[in-house]
Amino acid sequence: MKKEELLKKIGGLELQVKTLEEFQIEQLKELAKAFNWKKPTRSYGSYDEGEAKLPTWGEVFVEIGRLLAKQKYIENMERIDGFDFRLGDIEANVRNILKNKIND
C-alpha cells in the first residue's frame, strides 16, 4: 500500500472510531436517564440534582445485577407467600378432619 492509501484508510478508521464513541456516549446517556442517575451539584450545603450523570459500563452492569437480584428476591418472597397460603389451607383441613373425628 502507498502512503496516500494508508492515510486515507486511517482517516476512515478515525471517523469510524469517533462515530462509535459518540454512539456509546448516547447509549450511556439513555441508560443514565433510565436509571435516573444525576450528577450531584453542591449549592449552599445541599446537593441538588443536576444534569444526567454519564456512567461507566461497569456501573451499568452493577446496576443491572442489582435489579436482577431484587427481581429474584421478589419472586422468592412471592413463592414463600404462596407456601404460607397453602400451609394455612392444609392447617384448616387438618382441623376440620380432627373436629370430624372427635364428633364421630
PDB file of N, CA and C in Angstrom:
ATOM      1  N   MET A   1       0.839  -1.191   0.000  1.00  0.00           N
ATOM      2  CA  MET A   1       0.000   0.000   0.000  1.00  0.00           C
ATOM      3  C   MET A   1       0.881   1.249   0.000  1.00  0.00           C
ATOM      4  N   LYS A   2       0.385   2.244  -0.640  1.00  0.00           N
ATOM      5  CA  LYS A   2       1.111   3.503  -0.690  1.00  0.00           C
ATOM      6  C   LYS A   2       0.722   4.370   0.497  1.00  0.00           C
ATOM      7  N   LYS A   3       1.555   5.348   0.744  1.00  0.00           N
ATOM      8  CA  LYS A   3       1.344   6.258   1.875  1.00  0.00           C
ATOM      9  C   LYS A   3      -0.015   6.946   1.785  1.00  0.00           C
ATOM     10  N   GLU A   4      -0.401   7.385   0.618  1.00  0.00           N
ATOM     11  CA  GLU A   4      -1.667   8.081   0.442  1.00  0.00           C
ATOM     12  C   GLU A   4      -2.845   7.158   0.770  1.00  0.00           C
ATOM     13  N   GLU A   5      -2.738   5.899   0.334  1.00  0.00           N
ATOM     14  CA  GLU A   5      -3.809   4.931   0.613  1.00  0.00           C
ATOM     15  C   GLU A   5      -3.924   4.652   2.107  1.00  0.00           C
ATOM     16  N   LEU A   6      -2.766   4.545   2.760  1.00  0.00           N
ATOM     17  CA  LEU A   6      -2.763   4.301   4.203  1.00  0.00           C
ATOM     18  C   LEU A   6      -3.355   5.487   4.964  1.00  0.00           C
ATOM     19  N   LEU A   7      -3.001   6.710   4.548  1.00  0.00           N
ATOM     20  CA  LEU A   7      -3.540   7.898   5.215  1.00  0.00           C
ATOM     21  C   LEU A   7      -5.051   7.984   5.021  1.00  0.00           C
ATOM     22  N   LYS A   8      -5.515   7.624   3.827  1.00  0.00           N
ATOM     23  CA  LYS A   8      -6.946   7.638   3.551  1.00  0.00           C
ATOM     24  C   LYS A   8      -7.660   6.604   4.425  1.00  0.00           C
ATOM     25  N   LYS A   9      -7.053   5.417   4.548  1.00  0.00           N
ATOM     26  CA  LYS A   9      -7.642   4.360   5.379  1.00  0.00           C
ATOM     27  C   LYS A   9      -7.656   4.770   6.852  1.00  0.00           C
ATOM     28  N   ILE A  10      -6.575   5.394   7.310  1.00  0.00           N
ATOM     29  CA  ILE A  10      -6.507   5.872   8.698  1.00  0.00           C
ATOM     30  C   ILE A  10      -7.598   6.904   8.951  1.00  0.00           C
ATOM     31  N   GLY A  11      -7.796   7.813   8.004  1.00  0.00           N
ATOM     32  CA  GLY A  11      -8.847   8.819   8.143  1.00  0.00           C
ATOM     33  C   GLY A  11     -10.220   8.176   8.269  1.00  0.00           C
ATOM     34  N   GLY A  12     -10.471   7.165   7.460  1.00  0.00           N
ATOM     35  CA  GLY A  12     -11.747   6.453   7.536  1.00  0.00           C
ATOM     36  C   GLY A  12     -11.927   5.743   8.865  1.00  0.00           C
ATOM     37  N   LEU A  13     -10.847   5.137   9.358  1.00  0.00           N
ATOM     38  CA  LEU A  13     -10.916   4.443  10.646  1.00  0.00           C
ATOM     39  C   LEU A  13     -11.103   5.419  11.798  1.00  0.00           C
ATOM     40  N   GLU A  14     -10.458   6.569  11.730  1.00  0.00           N
ATOM     41  CA  GLU A  14     -10.636   7.582  12.774  1.00  0.00           C
ATOM     42  C   GLU A  14     -12.078   8.070  12.818  1.00  0.00           C
ATOM     43  N   LEU A  15     -12.672   8.258  11.644  1.00  0.00           N
ATOM     44  CA  LEU A  15     -14.069   8.671  11.578  1.00  0.00           C
ATOM     45  C   LEU A  15     -14.974   7.595  12.160  1.00  0.00           C
ATOM     46  N   GLN A  16     -14.674   6.344  11.855  1.00  0.00           N
ATOM     47  CA  GLN A  16     -15.463   5.226  12.382  1.00  0.00           C
ATOM     48  C   GLN A  16     -15.360   5.162  13.912  1.00  0.00           C
ATOM     49  N   VAL A  17     -14.167   5.358  14.444  1.00  0.00           N
ATOM     50  CA  VAL A  17     -13.969   5.347  15.897  1.00  0.00           C
ATOM     51  C   VAL A  17     -14.747   6.488  16.543  1.00  0.00           C
ATOM     52  N   LYS A  18     -14.678   7.662  15.954  1.00  0.00           N
ATOM     53  CA  LYS A  18     -15.393   8.818  16.500  1.00  0.00           C
ATOM     54  C   LYS A  18     -16.902   8.561  16.513  1.00  0.00           C
ATOM     55  N   THR A  19     -17.421   7.987  15.422  1.00  0.00           N
ATOM     56  CA  THR A  19     -18.846   7.680  15.334  1.00  0.00           C
ATOM     57  C   THR A  19     -19.248   6.680  16.412  1.00  0.00           C
ATOM     58  N   LEU A  20     -18.437   5.647  16.602  1.00  0.00           N
ATOM     59  CA  LEU A  20     -18.745   4.633  17.619  1.00  0.00           C
ATOM     60  C   LEU A  20     -18.676   5.214  19.038  1.00  0.00           C
ATOM     61  N   GLU A  21     -17.706   6.101  19.283  1.00  0.00           N
ATOM     62  CA  GLU A  21     -17.613   6.738  20.593  1.00  0.00           C
ATOM     63  C   GLU A  21     -18.841   7.601  20.876  1.00  0.00           C
ATOM     64  N   GLU A  22     -19.292   8.346  19.873  1.00  0.00           N
ATOM     65  CA  GLU A  22     -20.491   9.173  20.043  1.00  0.00           C
ATOM     66  C   GLU A  22     -21.717   8.304  20.299  1.00  0.00           C
ATOM     67  N   PHE A  23     -21.811   7.187  19.590  1.00  0.00           N
ATOM     68  CA  PHE A  23     -22.921   6.257  19.785  1.00  0.00           C
ATOM     69  C   PHE A  23     -22.904   5.686  21.203  1.00  0.00           C
ATOM     70  N   GLN A  24     -21.712   5.342  21.678  1.00  0.00           N
ATOM     71  CA  GLN A  24     -21.583   4.801  23.035  1.00  0.00           C
ATOM     72  C   GLN A  24     -21.995   5.827  24.075  1.00  0.00           C
ATOM     73  N   ILE A  25     -21.599   7.066  23.889  1.00  0.00           N
ATOM     74  CA  ILE A  25     -21.966   8.125  24.834  1.00  0.00           C
ATOM     75  C   ILE A  25     -23.476   8.304  24.857  1.00  0.00           C
ATOM     76  N   GLU A  26     -24.116   8.249  23.697  1.00  0.00           N
ATOM     77  CA  GLU A  26     -25.578   8.368  23.638  1.00  0.00           C
ATOM     78  C   GLU A  26     -26.246   7.201  24.366  1.00  0.00           C
ATOM     79  N   GLN A  27     -25.706   5.995  24.201  1.00  0.00           N
ATOM     80  CA  GLN A  27     -26.250   4.834  24.905  1.00  0.00           C
ATOM     81  C   GLN A  27     -26.129   5.017  26.420  1.00  0.00           C
ATOM     82  N   LEU A  28     -24.972   5.478  26.871  1.00  0.00           N
ATOM     83  CA  LEU A  28     -24.769   5.677  28.309  1.00  0.00           C
ATOM     84  C   LEU A  28     -25.686   6.770  28.845  1.00  0.00           C
ATOM     85  N   LYS A  29     -25.910   7.820  28.065  1.00  0.00           N
ATOM     86  CA  LYS A  29     -26.828   8.883  28.495  1.00  0.00           C
ATOM     87  C   LYS A  29     -28.249   8.341  28.639  1.00  0.00           C
ATOM     88  N   GLU A  30     -28.679   7.510  27.698  1.00  0.00           N
ATOM     89  CA  GLU A  30     -30.019   6.919  27.775  1.00  0.00           C
ATOM     90  C   GLU A  30     -30.150   5.997  28.990  1.00  0.00           C
ATOM     91  N   LEU A  31     -29.101   5.239  29.274  1.00  0.00           N
ATOM     92  CA  LEU A  31     -29.131   4.381  30.461  1.00  0.00           C
ATOM     93  C   LEU A  31     -29.165   5.223  31.730  1.00  0.00           C
ATOM     94  N   ALA A  32     -28.431   6.332  31.748  1.00  0.00           N
ATOM     95  CA  ALA A  32     -28.452   7.223  32.910  1.00  0.00           C
ATOM     96  C   ALA A  32     -29.859   7.766  33.131  1.00  0.00           C
ATOM     97  N   LYS A  33     -30.557   8.097  32.042  1.00  0.00           N
ATOM     98  CA  LYS A  33     -31.944   8.561  32.169  1.00  0.00           C
ATOM     99  C   LYS A  33     -32.831   7.440  32.703  1.00  0.00           C
ATOM    100  N   ALA A  34     -32.649   6.241  32.161  1.00  0.00           N
ATOM    101  CA  ALA A  34     -33.483   5.115  32.576  1.00  0.00           C
ATOM    102  C   ALA A  34     -33.289   4.795  34.055  1.00  0.00           C
ATOM    103  N   PHE A  35     -32.054   4.894  34.554  1.00  0.00           N
ATOM    104  CA  PHE A  35     -31.763   4.612  35.962  1.00  0.00           C
ATOM    105  C   PHE A  35     -31.913   5.855  36.834  1.00  0.00           C
ATOM    106  N   ASN A  36     -32.240   6.977  36.217  1.00  0.00           N
ATOM    107  CA  ASN A  36     -32.423   8.251  36.922  1.00  0.00           C
ATOM    108  C   ASN A  36     -31.165   8.650  37.696  1.00  0.00           C
ATOM    109  N   TRP A  37     -30.018   8.509  37.044  1.00  0.00           N
ATOM    110  CA  TRP A  37     -28.747   8.898  37.654  1.00  0.00           C
ATOM    111  C   TRP A  37     -28.485  10.356  37.338  1.00  0.00           C
ATOM    112  N   LYS A  38     -28.240  11.124  38.377  1.00  0.00           N
ATOM    113  CA  LYS A  38     -27.962  12.557  38.216  1.00  0.00           C
ATOM    114  C   LYS A  38     -26.609  12.884  38.821  1.00  0.00           C
ATOM    115  N   LYS A  39     -25.962  13.878  38.255  1.00  0.00           N
ATOM    116  CA  LYS A  39     -24.732  14.402  38.847  1.00  0.00           C
ATOM    117  C   LYS A  39     -25.128  15.287  40.015  1.00  0.00           C
ATOM    118  N   PRO A  40     -24.598  15.010  41.197  1.00  0.00           N
ATOM    119  CA  PRO A  40     -24.926  15.921  42.297  1.00  0.00           C
ATOM    120  C   PRO A  40     -24.177  17.239  42.124  1.00  0.00           C
ATOM    121  N   THR A  41     -24.891  18.329  42.294  1.00  0.00           N
ATOM    122  CA  THR A  41     -24.252  19.644  42.251  1.00  0.00           C
ATOM    123  C   THR A  41     -24.413  20.273  43.622  1.00  0.00           C
ATOM    124  N   ARG A  42     -23.335  20.713  44.182  1.00  0.00           N
ATOM    125  CA  ARG A  42     -23.355  21.244  45.542  1.00  0.00           C
ATOM    126  C   ARG A  42     -23.687  22.734  45.500  1.00  0.00           C
ATOM    127  N   SER A  43     -24.714  23.094  46.267  1.00  0.00           N
ATOM    128  CA  SER A  43     -25.037  24.518  46.383  1.00  0.00           C
ATOM    129  C   SER A  43     -25.558  24.794  47.784  1.00  0.00           C
ATOM    130  N   TYR A  44     -24.941  25.702  48.465  1.00  0.00           N
ATOM    131  CA  TYR A  44     -25.341  26.131  49.805  1.00  0.00           C
ATOM    132  C   TYR A  44     -25.515  24.959  50.774  1.00  0.00           C
ATOM    133  N   GLY A  45     -24.551  24.059  50.787  1.00  0.00           N
ATOM    134  CA  GLY A  45     -24.562  22.985  51.769  1.00  0.00           C
ATOM    135  C   GLY A  45     -25.472  21.812  51.444  1.00  0.00           C
ATOM    136  N   SER A  46     -26.158  21.853  50.324  1.00  0.00           N
ATOM    137  CA  SER A  46     -27.017  20.718  49.964  1.00  0.00           C
ATOM    138  C   SER A  46     -26.718  20.308  48.523  1.00  0.00           C
ATOM    139  N   TYR A  47     -27.133  19.122  48.219  1.00  0.00           N
ATOM    140  CA  TYR A  47     -26.909  18.621  46.866  1.00  0.00           C
ATOM    141  C   TYR A  47     -28.195  18.722  46.066  1.00  0.00           C
ATOM    142  N   ASP A  48     -28.132  19.382  44.950  1.00  0.00           N
ATOM    143  CA  ASP A  48     -29.263  19.470  44.029  1.00  0.00           C
ATOM    144  C   ASP A  48     -29.026  18.477  42.899  1.00  0.00           C
ATOM    145  N   GLU A  49     -30.116  17.972  42.355  1.00  0.00           N
ATOM    146  CA  GLU A  49     -29.961  17.088  41.216  1.00  0.00           C
ATOM    147  C   GLU A  49     -29.669  17.926  39.992  1.00  0.00           C
ATOM    148  N   GLY A  50     -28.552  17.641  39.380  1.00  0.00           N
ATOM    149  CA  GLY A  50     -28.158  18.375  38.203  1.00  0.00           C
ATOM    150  C   GLY A  50     -28.454  17.586  36.952  1.00  0.00           C
ATOM    151  N   GLU A  51     -27.555  17.712  36.003  1.00  0.00           N
ATOM    152  CA  GLU A  51     -27.733  17.019  34.730  1.00  0.00           C
ATOM    153  C   GLU A  51     -27.476  15.520  34.897  1.00  0.00           C
ATOM    154  N   ALA A  52     -27.859  14.760  33.883  1.00  0.00           N
ATOM    155  CA  ALA A  52     -27.680  13.311  33.929  1.00  0.00           C
ATOM    156  C   ALA A  52     -26.196  12.968  34.015  1.00  0.00           C
ATOM    157  N   LYS A  53     -25.895  12.014  34.867  1.00  0.00           N
ATOM    158  CA  LYS A  53     -24.518  11.564  35.048  1.00  0.00           C
ATOM    159  C   LYS A  53     -24.179  10.588  33.926  1.00  0.00           C
ATOM    160  N   LEU A  54     -22.980  10.670  33.395  1.00  0.00           N
ATOM    161  CA  LEU A  54     -22.545   9.734  32.371  1.00  0.00           C
ATOM    162  C   LEU A  54     -21.846   8.571  33.079  1.00  0.00           C
ATOM    163  N   PRO A  55     -22.519   7.420  33.176  1.00  0.00           N
ATOM    164  CA  PRO A  55     -21.942   6.294  33.917  1.00  0.00           C
ATOM    165  C   PRO A  55     -20.897   5.555  33.089  1.00  0.00           C
ATOM    166  N   THR A  56     -20.172   4.702  33.764  1.00  0.00           N
ATOM    167  CA  THR A  56     -19.272   3.787  33.063  1.00  0.00           C
ATOM    168  C   THR A  56     -20.052   2.507  32.782  1.00  0.00           C
ATOM    169  N   TRP A  57     -19.526   1.703  31.892  1.00  0.00           N
ATOM    170  CA  TRP A  57     -20.206   0.439  31.610  1.00  0.00           C
ATOM    171  C   TRP A  57     -20.196  -0.451  32.850  1.00  0.00           C
ATOM    172  N   GLY A  58     -19.153  -0.358  33.652  1.00  0.00           N
ATOM    173  CA  GLY A  58     -19.101  -1.124  34.896  1.00  0.00           C
ATOM    174  C   GLY A  58     -20.255  -0.765  35.817  1.00  0.00           C
ATOM    175  N   GLU A  59     -20.541   0.530  35.955  1.00  0.00           N
ATOM    176  CA  GLU A  59     -21.664   0.971  36.788  1.00  0.00           C
ATOM    177  C   GLU A  59     -22.995   0.469  36.240  1.00  0.00           C
ATOM    178  N   VAL A  60     -23.110   0.456  34.923  1.00  0.00           N
ATOM    179  CA  VAL A  60     -24.346  -0.029  34.303  1.00  0.00           C
ATOM    180  C   VAL A  60     -24.543  -1.507  34.627  1.00  0.00           C
ATOM    181  N   PHE A  61     -23.487  -2.297  34.469  1.00  0.00           N
ATOM    182  CA  PHE A  61     -23.610  -3.732  34.727  1.00  0.00           C
ATOM    183  C   PHE A  61     -23.862  -4.024  36.198  1.00  0.00           C
ATOM    184  N   VAL A  62     -23.274  -3.239  37.090  1.00  0.00           N
ATOM    185  CA  VAL A  62     -23.541  -3.410  38.523  1.00  0.00           C
ATOM    186  C   VAL A  62     -25.010  -3.124  38.819  1.00  0.00           C
ATOM    187  N   GLU A  63     -25.546  -2.070  38.232  1.00  0.00           N
ATOM    188  CA  GLU A  63     -26.957  -1.728  38.450  1.00  0.00           C
ATOM    189  C   GLU A  63     -27.874  -2.806  37.891  1.00  0.00           C
ATOM    190  N   ILE A  64     -27.543  -3.329  36.727  1.00  0.00           N
ATOM    191  CA  ILE A  64     -28.344  -4.423  36.156  1.00  0.00           C
ATOM    192  C   ILE A  64     -28.293  -5.635  37.077  1.00  0.00           C
ATOM    193  N   GLY A  65     -27.129  -5.932  37.635  1.00  0.00           N
ATOM    194  CA  GLY A  65     -27.011  -7.040  38.589  1.00  0.00           C
ATOM    195  C   GLY A  65     -27.865  -6.818  39.823  1.00  0.00           C
ATOM    196  N   ARG A  66     -27.869  -5.593  40.333  1.00  0.00           N
ATOM    197  CA  ARG A  66     -28.715  -5.272  41.489  1.00  0.00           C
ATOM    198  C   ARG A  66     -30.190  -5.473  41.163  1.00  0.00           C
ATOM    199  N   LEU A  67     -30.600  -5.016  39.989  1.00  0.00           N
ATOM    200  CA  LEU A  67     -32.003  -5.154  39.594  1.00  0.00           C
ATOM    201  C   LEU A  67     -32.386  -6.622  39.438  1.00  0.00           C
ATOM    202  N   LEU A  68     -31.498  -7.410  38.878  1.00  0.00           N
ATOM    203  CA  LEU A  68     -31.782  -8.849  38.745  1.00  0.00           C
ATOM    204  C   LEU A  68     -31.874  -9.515  40.114  1.00  0.00           C
ATOM    205  N   ALA A  69     -31.007  -9.110  41.042  1.00  0.00           N
ATOM    206  CA  ALA A  69     -31.062  -9.670  42.394  1.00  0.00           C
ATOM    207  C   ALA A  69     -32.367  -9.290  43.092  1.00  0.00           C
ATOM    208  N   LYS A  70     -32.797  -8.040  42.917  1.00  0.00           N
ATOM    209  CA  LYS A  70     -34.076  -7.606  43.501  1.00  0.00           C
ATOM    210  C   LYS A  70     -35.235  -8.397  42.914  1.00  0.00           C
ATOM    211  N   GLN A  71     -35.192  -8.616  41.597  1.00  0.00           N
ATOM    212  CA  GLN A  71     -36.254  -9.375  40.942  1.00  0.00           C
ATOM    213  C   GLN A  71     -36.313 -10.791  41.499  1.00  0.00           C
ATOM    214  N   LYS A  72     -35.155 -11.414  41.669  1.00  0.00           N
ATOM    215  CA  LYS A  72     -35.111 -12.781  42.207  1.00  0.00           C
ATOM    216  C   LYS A  72     -35.633 -12.804  43.640  1.00  0.00           C
ATOM    217  N   TYR A  73     -35.268 -11.802  44.437  1.00  0.00           N
ATOM    218  CA  TYR A  73     -35.734 -11.724  45.814  1.00  0.00           C
ATOM    219  C   TYR A  73     -37.260 -11.610  45.855  1.00  0.00           C
ATOM    220  N   ILE A  74     -37.806 -10.741  45.011  1.00  0.00           N
ATOM    221  CA  ILE A  74     -39.265 -10.553  44.978  1.00  0.00           C
ATOM    222  C   ILE A  74     -39.957 -11.843  44.555  1.00  0.00           C
ATOM    223  N   GLU A  75     -39.407 -12.509  43.550  1.00  0.00           N
ATOM    224  CA  GLU A  75     -40.001 -13.780  43.113  1.00  0.00           C
ATOM    225  C   GLU A  75     -39.968 -14.811  44.243  1.00  0.00           C
ATOM    226  N   ASN A  76     -38.870 -14.862  44.980  1.00  0.00           N
ATOM    227  CA  ASN A  76     -38.771 -15.805  46.101  1.00  0.00           C
ATOM    228  C   ASN A  76     -39.762 -15.457  47.211  1.00  0.00           C
ATOM    229  N   MET A  77     -39.927 -14.167  47.480  1.00  0.00           N
ATOM    230  CA  MET A  77     -40.881 -13.759  48.513  1.00  0.00           C
ATOM    231  C   MET A  77     -42.307 -14.108  48.096  1.00  0.00           C
ATOM    232  N   GLU A  78     -42.625 -13.936  46.817  1.00  0.00           N
ATOM    233  CA  GLU A  78     -43.953 -14.310  46.331  1.00  0.00           C
ATOM    234  C   GLU A  78     -44.168 -15.815  46.455  1.00  0.00           C
ATOM    235  N   ARG A  79     -43.137 -16.578  46.179  1.00  0.00           N
ATOM    236  CA  ARG A  79     -43.227 -18.032  46.305  1.00  0.00           C
ATOM    237  C   ARG A  79     -43.447 -18.426  47.768  1.00  0.00           C
ATOM    238  N   ILE A  80     -42.741 -17.761  48.683  1.00  0.00           N
ATOM    239  CA  ILE A  80     -42.895 -18.051  50.113  1.00  0.00           C
ATOM    240  C   ILE A  80     -44.300 -17.689  50.574  1.00  0.00           C
ATOM    241  N   ASP A  81     -44.819 -16.546  50.106  1.00  0.00           N
ATOM    242  CA  ASP A  81     -46.187 -16.165  50.457  1.00  0.00           C
ATOM    243  C   ASP A  81     -47.177 -17.213  49.970  1.00  0.00           C
ATOM    244  N   GLY A  82     -46.938 -17.760  48.789  1.00  0.00           N
ATOM    245  CA  GLY A  82     -47.800 -18.823  48.269  1.00  0.00           C
ATOM    246  C   GLY A  82     -47.761 -20.051  49.159  1.00  0.00           C
ATOM    247  N   PHE A  83     -46.582 -20.376  49.672  1.00  0.00           N
ATOM    248  CA  PHE A  83     -46.463 -21.517  50.585  1.00  0.00           C
ATOM    249  C   PHE A  83     -47.230 -21.250  51.875  1.00  0.00           C
ATOM    250  N   ASP A  84     -47.168 -20.017  52.369  1.00  0.00           N
ATOM    251  CA  ASP A  84     -47.901 -19.660  53.586  1.00  0.00           C
ATOM    252  C   ASP A  84     -49.404 -19.877  53.394  1.00  0.00           C
ATOM    253  N   PHE A  85     -49.926 -19.468  52.237  1.00  0.00           N
ATOM    254  CA  PHE A  85     -51.353 -19.667  51.976  1.00  0.00           C
ATOM    255  C   PHE A  85     -51.691 -21.149  51.925  1.00  0.00           C
ATOM    256  N   ARG A  86     -50.860 -21.933  51.285  1.00  0.00           N
ATOM    257  CA  ARG A  86     -51.109 -23.369  51.192  1.00  0.00           C
ATOM    258  C   ARG A  86     -51.036 -24.027  52.559  1.00  0.00           C
ATOM    259  N   LEU A  87     -50.079 -23.590  53.367  1.00  0.00           N
ATOM    260  CA  LEU A  87     -49.978 -24.147  54.724  1.00  0.00           C
ATOM    261  C   LEU A  87     -51.221 -23.805  55.536  1.00  0.00           C
ATOM    262  N   GLY A  88     -51.729 -22.585  55.353  1.00  0.00           N
ATOM    263  CA  GLY A  88     -52.962 -22.201  56.047  1.00  0.00           C
ATOM    264  C   GLY A  88     -54.124 -23.090  55.627  1.00  0.00           C
ATOM    265  N   ASP A  89     -54.209 -23.390  54.338  1.00  0.00           N
ATOM    266  CA  ASP A  89     -55.270 -24.285  53.855  1.00  0.00           C
ATOM    267  C   ASP A  89     -55.115 -25.688  54.420  1.00  0.00           C
ATOM    268  N   ILE A  90     -53.903 -26.186  54.451  1.00  0.00           N
ATOM    269  CA  ILE A  90     -53.649 -27.525  54.984  1.00  0.00           C
ATOM    270  C   ILE A  90     -53.997 -27.564  56.469  1.00  0.00           C
ATOM    271  N   GLU A  91     -53.608 -26.511  57.193  1.00  0.00           N
ATOM    272  CA  GLU A  91     -53.913 -26.442  58.621  1.00  0.00           C
ATOM    273  C   GLU A  91     -55.424 -26.450  58.856  1.00  0.00           C
ATOM    274  N   ALA A  92     -56.152 -25.686  58.055  1.00  0.00           N
ATOM    275  CA  ALA A  92     -57.614 -25.656  58.189  1.00  0.00           C
ATOM    276  C   ALA A  92     -58.212 -27.030  57.883  1.00  0.00           C
ATOM    277  N   ASN A  93     -57.705 -27.709  56.877  1.00  0.00           N
ATOM    278  CA  ASN A  93     -58.188 -29.053  56.543  1.00  0.00           C
ATOM    279  C   ASN A  93     -57.925 -30.041  57.676  1.00  0.00           C
ATOM    280  N   VAL A  94     -56.738 -29.960  58.268  1.00  0.00           N
ATOM    281  CA  VAL A  94     -56.411 -30.859  59.384  1.00  0.00           C
ATOM    282  C   VAL A  94     -57.339 -30.589  60.564  1.00  0.00           C
ATOM    283  N   ARG A  95     -57.607 -29.345  60.860  1.00  0.00           N
ATOM    284  CA  ARG A  95     -58.526 -29.008  61.958  1.00  0.00           C
ATOM    285  C   ARG A  95     -59.922 -29.572  61.689  1.00  0.00           C
ATOM    286  N   ASN A  96     -60.378 -29.420  60.446  1.00  0.00           N
ATOM    287  CA  ASN A  96     -61.699 -29.960  60.102  1.00  0.00           C
ATOM    288  C   ASN A  96     -61.729 -31.472  60.247  1.00  0.00           C
ATOM    289  N   ILE A  97     -60.677 -32.131  59.814  1.00  0.00           N
ATOM    290  CA  ILE A  97     -60.613 -33.593  59.938  1.00  0.00           C
ATOM    291  C   ILE A  97     -60.632 -33.986  61.410  1.00  0.00           C
ATOM    292  N   LEU A  98     -59.847 -33.288  62.240  1.00  0.00           N
ATOM    293  CA  LEU A  98     -59.800 -33.609  63.659  1.00  0.00           C
ATOM    294  C   LEU A  98     -61.151 -33.358  64.334  1.00  0.00           C
ATOM    295  N   LYS A  99     -61.813 -32.268  63.962  1.00  0.00           N
ATOM    296  CA  LYS A  99     -63.139 -31.980  64.512  1.00  0.00           C
ATOM    297  C   LYS A  99     -64.121 -33.082  64.139  1.00  0.00           C
ATOM    298  N   ASN A 100     -64.065 -33.495  62.895  1.00  0.00           N
ATOM    299  CA  ASN A 100     -64.971 -34.543  62.431  1.00  0.00           C
ATOM    300  C   ASN A 100     -64.702 -35.862  63.155  1.00  0.00           C
ATOM    301  N   LYS A 101     -63.450 -36.187  63.415  1.00  0.00           N
ATOM    302  CA  LYS A 101     -63.113 -37.419  64.120  1.00  0.00           C
ATOM    303  C   LYS A 101     -63.550 -37.355  65.585  1.00  0.00           C
ATOM    304  N   ILE A 102     -63.409 -36.181  66.183  1.00  0.00           N
ATOM    305  CA  ILE A 102     -63.803 -36.029  67.580  1.00  0.00           C
ATOM    306  C   ILE A 102     -65.318 -36.122  67.687  1.00  0.00           C
ATOM    307  N   ASN A 103     -66.037 -35.524  66.743  1.00  0.00           N
ATOM    308  CA  ASN A 103     -67.501 -35.528  66.768  1.00  0.00           C
ATOM    309  C   ASN A 103     -68.065 -36.897  66.426  1.00  0.00           C
ATOM    310  N   ASP A 104     -67.334 -37.744  65.709  1.00  0.00           N
ATOM    311  CA  ASP A 104     -67.845 -39.069  65.354  1.00  0.00           C
ATOM    312  C   ASP A 104     -67.773 -40.042  66.463  1.00  0.00           C
TER     313      ASP A 104
END
